[in-house]
Amino acid sequence: MASPGKKHFPLRIDPAVWAEIERLAAQDLRSVNAQVEFLLREALARRGRKLPQPVPLPPGDAASD
């Protein structure tokens, strides 16, 4: 189930990129969705775009991403 207030969209992605994101997500103990959002926020920060910190999910809700 999607988190309330978050946008969703289909994404076409190279299988090799997807596999690497899955590997990073597992290494960082995140869902693939959370890893993609983390990487996007990281890229935006490198370009000088400031965003508010994401609101942490209550314990037990992280698996629903």
C-alpha atoms as a PDB file:
ATOM      1  CA  MET A   1       0.000   0.000   0.000  1.00  0.00           C
ATOM      2  CA  ALA A   2       1.288   3.446  -0.926  1.00  0.00           C
ATOM      3  CA  SER A   3       2.062   5.986   1.742  1.00  0.00           C
ATOM      4  CA  PRO A   4      -0.606   8.691   2.108  1.00  0.00           C
ATOM      5  CA  GLY A   5       0.219  11.942   0.355  1.00  0.00           C
ATOM      6  CA  LYS A   6       2.877  10.446  -1.924  1.00  0.00           C
ATOM      7  CA  LYS A   7       2.706  10.483  -5.711  1.00  0.00           C
ATOM      8  CA  HIS A   8       3.089   7.300  -7.704  1.00  0.00           C
ATOM      9  CA  PHE A   9       4.103   6.797 -11.335  1.00  0.00           C
ATOM     10  CA  PRO A  10       5.290   4.006 -13.612  1.00  0.00           C
ATOM     11  CA  LEU A  11       9.027   3.947 -14.254  1.00  0.00           C
ATOM     12  CA  ARG A  12      10.854   2.358 -17.148  1.00  0.00           C
ATOM     13  CA  ILE A  13      14.346   1.475 -16.017  1.00  0.00           C
ATOM     14  CA  ASP A  14      17.270  -0.500 -17.384  1.00  0.00           C
ATOM     15  CA  PRO A  15      17.387  -3.949 -15.747  1.00  0.00           C
ATOM     16  CA  ALA A  16      21.036  -3.454 -14.728  1.00  0.00           C
ATOM     17  CA  VAL A  17      20.189  -0.178 -12.966  1.00  0.00           C
ATOM     18  CA  TRP A  18      17.217  -1.836 -11.247  1.00  0.00           C
ATOM     19  CA  ALA A  19      19.400  -4.724 -10.051  1.00  0.00           C
ATOM     20  CA  GLU A  20      21.935  -2.299  -8.582  1.00  0.00           C
ATOM     21  CA  ILE A  21      19.193  -0.313  -6.811  1.00  0.00           C
ATOM     22  CA  GLU A  22      17.820  -3.566  -5.370  1.00  0.00           C
ATOM     23  CA  ARG A  23      21.311  -4.482  -4.136  1.00  0.00           C
ATOM     24  CA  LEU A  24      21.814  -1.053  -2.530  1.00  0.00           C
ATOM     25  CA  ALA A  25      18.349  -1.168  -0.957  1.00  0.00           C
ATOM     26  CA  ALA A  26      19.061  -4.548   0.630  1.00  0.00           C
ATOM     27  CA  GLN A  27      22.456  -3.352   1.846  1.00  0.00           C
ATOM     28  CA  ASP A  28      20.889  -0.220   3.400  1.00  0.00           C
ATOM     29  CA  LEU A  29      17.875  -2.148   4.784  1.00  0.00           C
ATOM     30  CA  ARG A  30      15.419  -0.096   2.709  1.00  0.00           C
ATOM     31  CA  SER A  31      12.681  -0.997   0.276  1.00  0.00           C
ATOM     32  CA  VAL A  32      13.493  -0.368  -3.382  1.00  0.00           C
ATOM     33  CA  ASN A  33      10.958   2.465  -3.378  1.00  0.00           C
ATOM     34  CA  ALA A  34      12.619   4.095  -0.354  1.00  0.00           C
ATOM     35  CA  GLN A  35      16.043   3.635  -1.985  1.00  0.00           C
ATOM     36  CA  VAL A  36      14.898   5.349  -5.196  1.00  0.00           C
ATOM     37  CA  GLU A  37      13.512   8.270  -3.170  1.00  0.00           C
ATOM     38  CA  PHE A  38      16.763   8.425  -1.135  1.00  0.00           C
ATOM     39  CA  LEU A  39      18.857   8.531  -4.319  1.00  0.00           C
ATOM     40  CA  LEU A  40      16.643  11.216  -5.848  1.00  0.00           C
ATOM     41  CA  ARG A  41      16.881  13.358  -2.688  1.00  0.00           C
ATOM     42  CA  GLU A  42      20.661  12.861  -2.655  1.00  0.00           C
ATOM     43  CA  ALA A  43      20.928  13.957  -6.305  1.00  0.00           C
ATOM     44  CA  LEU A  44      18.746  17.018  -5.664  1.00  0.00           C
ATOM     45  CA  ALA A  45      20.869  17.999  -2.666  1.00  0.00           C
ATOM     46  CA  ARG A  46      24.041  17.761  -4.788  1.00  0.00           C
ATOM     47  CA  ARG A  47      22.420  20.210  -7.214  1.00  0.00           C
ATOM     48  CA  GLY A  48      21.642  22.639  -4.418  1.00  0.00           C
ATOM     49  CA  ARG A  49      17.928  21.878  -4.094  1.00  0.00           C
ATOM     50  CA  LYS A  50      16.817  21.861  -0.480  1.00  0.00           C
ATOM     51  CA  LEU A  51      13.869  19.681   0.515  1.00  0.00           C
ATOM     52  CA  PRO A  52      12.298  19.122   3.905  1.00  0.00           C
ATOM     53  CA  GLN A  53      13.414  15.944   5.630  1.00  0.00           C
ATOM     54  CA  PRO A  54      11.081  13.003   4.964  1.00  0.00           C
ATOM     55  CA  VAL A  55       8.679  12.167   7.768  1.00  0.00           C
ATOM     56  CA  PRO A  56       9.785   8.863   9.360  1.00  0.00           C
ATOM     57  CA  LEU A  57       7.276   6.029   9.271  1.00  0.00           C
ATOM     58  CA  PRO A  58       6.112   4.464  12.523  1.00  0.00           C
ATOM     59  CA  PRO A  59       7.826   1.133  13.339  1.00  0.00           C
ATOM     60  CA  GLY A  60       6.403  -1.725  11.314  1.00  0.00           C
ATOM     61  CA  ASP A  61       5.221   0.453   8.396  1.00  0.00           C
ATOM     62  CA  ALA A  62       8.513   0.451   6.462  1.00  0.00           C
ATOM     63  CA  ALA A  63       7.763  -2.930   4.867  1.00  0.00           C
ATOM     64  CA  SER A  64       4.674  -1.533   3.132  1.00  0.00           C
ATOM     65  CA  ASP A  65       6.718   0.500   0.567  1.00  0.00           C
END
